[in-house]
């Protein structure tokens, strides 16, 4: 598969969305790849320490990512940020936003997931939020997907078969 084919294929696939819930969750009962392909949501406990660390890493590396997104190198594409919104039932749901623009402390862009819990939103809607609300980021180049720290937490808990399928199809290397 060429880099151009991979990039085109990747940008047409739905990205994994997560929802933070009050209940602690252990191993993934939900099939990750299948859930991502049908636009579903993976539920993760709000108090999950590994997810908290992934969110901190996404936020800590956000300035470098935004600088790269503002002036990408040749072959870098699909820049996206992940941000959360609270649905009418009080559940937090996190979405990928792409394309986006960042100006000062504000970010705006197009919601790239279909909401499950935040039903006041819809895919394709323009949303605006504070830069400090971004929890993760992503871009694609010839080496595959970069960022996706929150996705990597979910993948570490998935079945081996699910991890292999997701990484193969999504070109995501969580060891970078």
Protein backbone atom coordinates (compact mmCIF):
# COMPACT_ATOMS: atom_id res chain seq x y z
CA UNK A 1 0.00 0.00 0.00
CA UNK A 2 1.48 3.38 -0.97
CA UNK A 3 1.60 6.33 1.42
CA UNK A 4 -0.94 8.19 -0.76
CA UNK A 5 -3.34 5.23 -0.72
CA UNK A 6 -2.91 4.80 3.04
CA UNK A 7 -3.51 8.53 3.63
CA UNK A 8 -6.65 8.54 1.47
CA UNK A 9 -7.96 5.38 3.15
CA UNK A 10 -7.20 6.70 6.65
CA UNK A 11 -8.93 10.02 6.13
CA UNK A 12 -12.16 8.30 5.06
CA UNK A 13 -12.33 6.07 8.15
CA UNK A 14 -14.13 7.16 11.29
CA UNK A 15 -11.75 7.84 14.15
CA UNK A 16 -12.31 6.25 17.52
CA UNK A 17 -14.45 8.27 19.91
CA UNK A 18 -14.49 7.79 23.66
CA UNK A 19 -16.92 8.57 26.44
CA UNK A 20 -15.85 9.02 30.03
CA UNK A 21 -18.22 7.38 32.49
CA UNK A 22 -18.45 7.22 36.26
CA UNK A 23 -18.17 3.42 36.41
CA UNK A 24 -14.68 1.89 36.41
CA UNK A 25 -14.02 -0.36 33.45
CA UNK A 26 -11.44 -3.11 33.14
CA UNK A 27 -10.63 -5.00 29.98
CA UNK A 28 -12.42 -3.86 26.85
CA UNK A 29 -15.69 -5.68 26.39
CA UNK A 30 -16.31 -3.68 23.22
CA UNK A 31 -14.49 -4.71 20.01
CA UNK A 32 -12.36 -1.63 19.28
CA UNK A 33 -11.95 -1.81 15.51
CA UNK A 34 -15.56 -2.77 14.85
CA UNK A 35 -16.78 0.00 17.18
CA UNK A 36 -14.60 2.58 15.41
CA UNK A 37 -15.86 1.53 11.98
CA UNK A 38 -19.52 1.89 12.90
CA UNK A 39 -18.97 5.23 14.60
CA UNK A 40 -19.53 3.90 18.10
CA UNK A 41 -18.11 5.03 21.40
CA UNK A 42 -15.71 3.23 23.75
CA UNK A 43 -16.61 3.86 27.41
CA UNK A 44 -13.80 4.63 29.88
CA UNK A 45 -14.07 5.52 33.57
CA UNK A 46 -13.54 9.20 34.42
CA UNK A 47 -11.15 8.17 37.17
CA UNK A 48 -9.01 5.94 34.92
CA UNK A 49 -5.36 6.82 35.72
CA UNK A 50 -3.94 5.53 32.42
CA UNK A 51 -6.44 7.58 30.41
CA UNK A 52 -5.64 10.59 32.62
CA UNK A 53 -1.95 10.19 31.82
CA UNK A 54 -2.71 9.94 28.09
CA UNK A 55 -4.76 13.14 28.25
CA UNK A 56 -1.91 14.89 30.08
CA UNK A 57 0.54 13.75 27.38
CA UNK A 58 -1.78 14.99 24.63
CA UNK A 59 -2.07 18.37 26.33
CA UNK A 60 1.66 18.63 27.09
CA UNK A 61 2.59 18.00 23.45
CA UNK A 62 -0.20 20.16 22.00
CA UNK A 63 1.95 23.30 21.41
CA UNK A 64 4.40 21.36 19.21
CA UNK A 65 1.52 19.68 17.37
CA UNK A 66 -0.24 23.00 16.69
CA UNK A 67 3.02 24.48 15.37
CA UNK A 68 3.39 21.51 13.02
CA UNK A 69 -0.27 21.75 11.94
CA UNK A 70 0.26 25.44 11.10
CA UNK A 71 3.25 24.63 8.87
CA UNK A 72 3.11 20.93 7.94
CA UNK A 73 5.98 19.20 6.22
CA UNK A 74 5.45 17.54 2.86
CA UNK A 75 3.28 14.45 3.18
CA UNK A 76 1.78 15.36 6.56
CA UNK A 77 -2.02 15.53 6.50
CA UNK A 78 -5.19 14.74 8.42
CA UNK A 79 -4.46 17.03 11.36
CA UNK A 80 -7.13 16.60 14.02
CA UNK A 81 -7.73 17.42 17.69
CA UNK A 82 -9.91 15.58 20.20
CA UNK A 83 -12.21 17.53 22.50
CA UNK A 84 -15.06 16.66 24.83
CA UNK A 85 -18.64 17.87 25.04
CA UNK A 86 -21.26 17.03 27.65
CA UNK A 87 -24.50 15.54 26.40
CA UNK A 88 -27.99 16.28 27.73
CA UNK A 89 -27.74 13.29 30.12
CA UNK A 90 -24.51 14.65 31.63
CA UNK A 91 -22.18 12.15 29.91
CA UNK A 92 -18.90 13.42 28.52
CA UNK A 93 -18.23 12.35 24.94
CA UNK A 94 -15.00 13.09 23.09
CA UNK A 95 -14.83 13.82 19.38
CA UNK A 96 -12.23 14.30 16.70
CA UNK A 97 -12.37 17.72 15.08
CA UNK A 98 -10.92 18.09 11.60
CA UNK A 99 -10.15 20.28 9.82
CA UNK A 100 -9.53 22.86 12.50
CA UNK A 101 -7.94 26.25 13.03
CA UNK A 102 -6.25 27.47 16.18
CA UNK A 103 -6.12 31.19 16.89
CA UNK A 104 -4.76 32.32 20.22
CA UNK A 105 -6.47 30.32 22.97
CA UNK A 106 -9.40 29.24 20.76
CA UNK A 107 -9.82 26.32 18.37
CA UNK A 108 -12.65 25.81 15.91
CA UNK A 109 -13.32 23.15 13.34
CA UNK A 110 -15.62 20.46 12.02
CA UNK A 111 -16.91 17.63 14.20
CA UNK A 112 -15.75 14.38 12.58
CA UNK A 113 -17.73 11.82 14.62
CA UNK A 114 -21.41 11.02 14.96
CA UNK A 115 -22.51 11.74 18.54
CA UNK A 116 -23.92 8.97 20.68
CA UNK A 117 -24.45 10.82 23.99
CA UNK A 118 -23.95 14.49 23.03
CA UNK A 119 -27.04 14.46 20.85
CA UNK A 120 -27.19 18.26 20.66
CA UNK A 121 -24.28 17.99 18.19
CA UNK A 122 -24.01 16.42 14.74
CA UNK A 123 -21.20 15.26 12.48
CA UNK A 124 -20.09 18.08 10.20
CA UNK A 125 -21.09 20.77 12.70
CA UNK A 126 -18.66 23.63 13.30
CA UNK A 127 -17.62 23.73 16.94
CA UNK A 128 -15.47 26.18 18.90
CA UNK A 129 -13.68 25.55 22.18
CA UNK A 130 -10.75 26.58 24.31
CA UNK A 131 -7.30 25.28 23.47
CA UNK A 132 -7.11 23.97 27.05
CA UNK A 133 -10.06 21.65 26.32
CA UNK A 134 -8.10 19.62 23.74
CA UNK A 135 -7.17 16.19 25.15
CA UNK A 136 -5.44 14.53 22.18
CA UNK A 137 -4.32 15.15 18.63
CA UNK A 138 -3.47 13.25 15.46
CA UNK A 139 -1.86 13.56 12.08
CA UNK A 140 -0.80 11.18 9.34
CA UNK A 141 2.43 10.87 7.38
CA UNK A 142 4.25 8.07 5.55
CA UNK A 143 5.12 6.44 8.90
CA UNK A 144 1.42 6.25 9.89
CA UNK A 145 -0.67 7.99 12.53
CA UNK A 146 0.94 10.12 15.24
CA UNK A 147 -0.58 11.18 18.55
CA UNK A 148 -3.74 9.21 19.41
CA UNK A 149 -2.58 8.82 23.03
CA UNK A 150 -6.12 8.14 24.22
CA UNK A 151 -6.66 5.56 21.47
CA UNK A 152 -3.48 3.77 22.53
CA UNK A 153 -4.85 3.38 26.08
CA UNK A 154 -7.94 1.71 24.66
CA UNK A 155 -5.87 -0.53 22.37
CA UNK A 156 -3.70 -1.76 25.25
CA UNK A 157 -6.89 -3.16 26.83
CA UNK A 158 -8.31 -4.69 23.66
CA UNK A 159 -7.91 -8.31 22.63
CA UNK A 160 -4.71 -9.17 20.76
CA UNK A 161 -6.69 -9.87 17.57
CA UNK A 162 -8.46 -6.52 17.86
CA UNK A 163 -5.15 -4.68 18.43
CA UNK A 164 -3.56 -6.30 15.40
CA UNK A 165 -6.53 -5.51 13.15
CA UNK A 166 -6.80 -1.91 14.36
CA UNK A 167 -3.07 -1.20 14.06
CA UNK A 168 -2.85 -2.84 10.63
CA UNK A 169 -5.83 -0.96 9.20
CA UNK A 170 -5.16 2.34 10.97
CA UNK A 171 -1.33 2.39 10.74
CA UNK A 172 -1.08 3.39 14.40
CA UNK A 173 2.08 2.60 16.34
CA UNK A 174 1.57 3.20 20.05
CA UNK A 175 5.24 2.53 20.80
CA UNK A 176 6.45 5.81 19.22
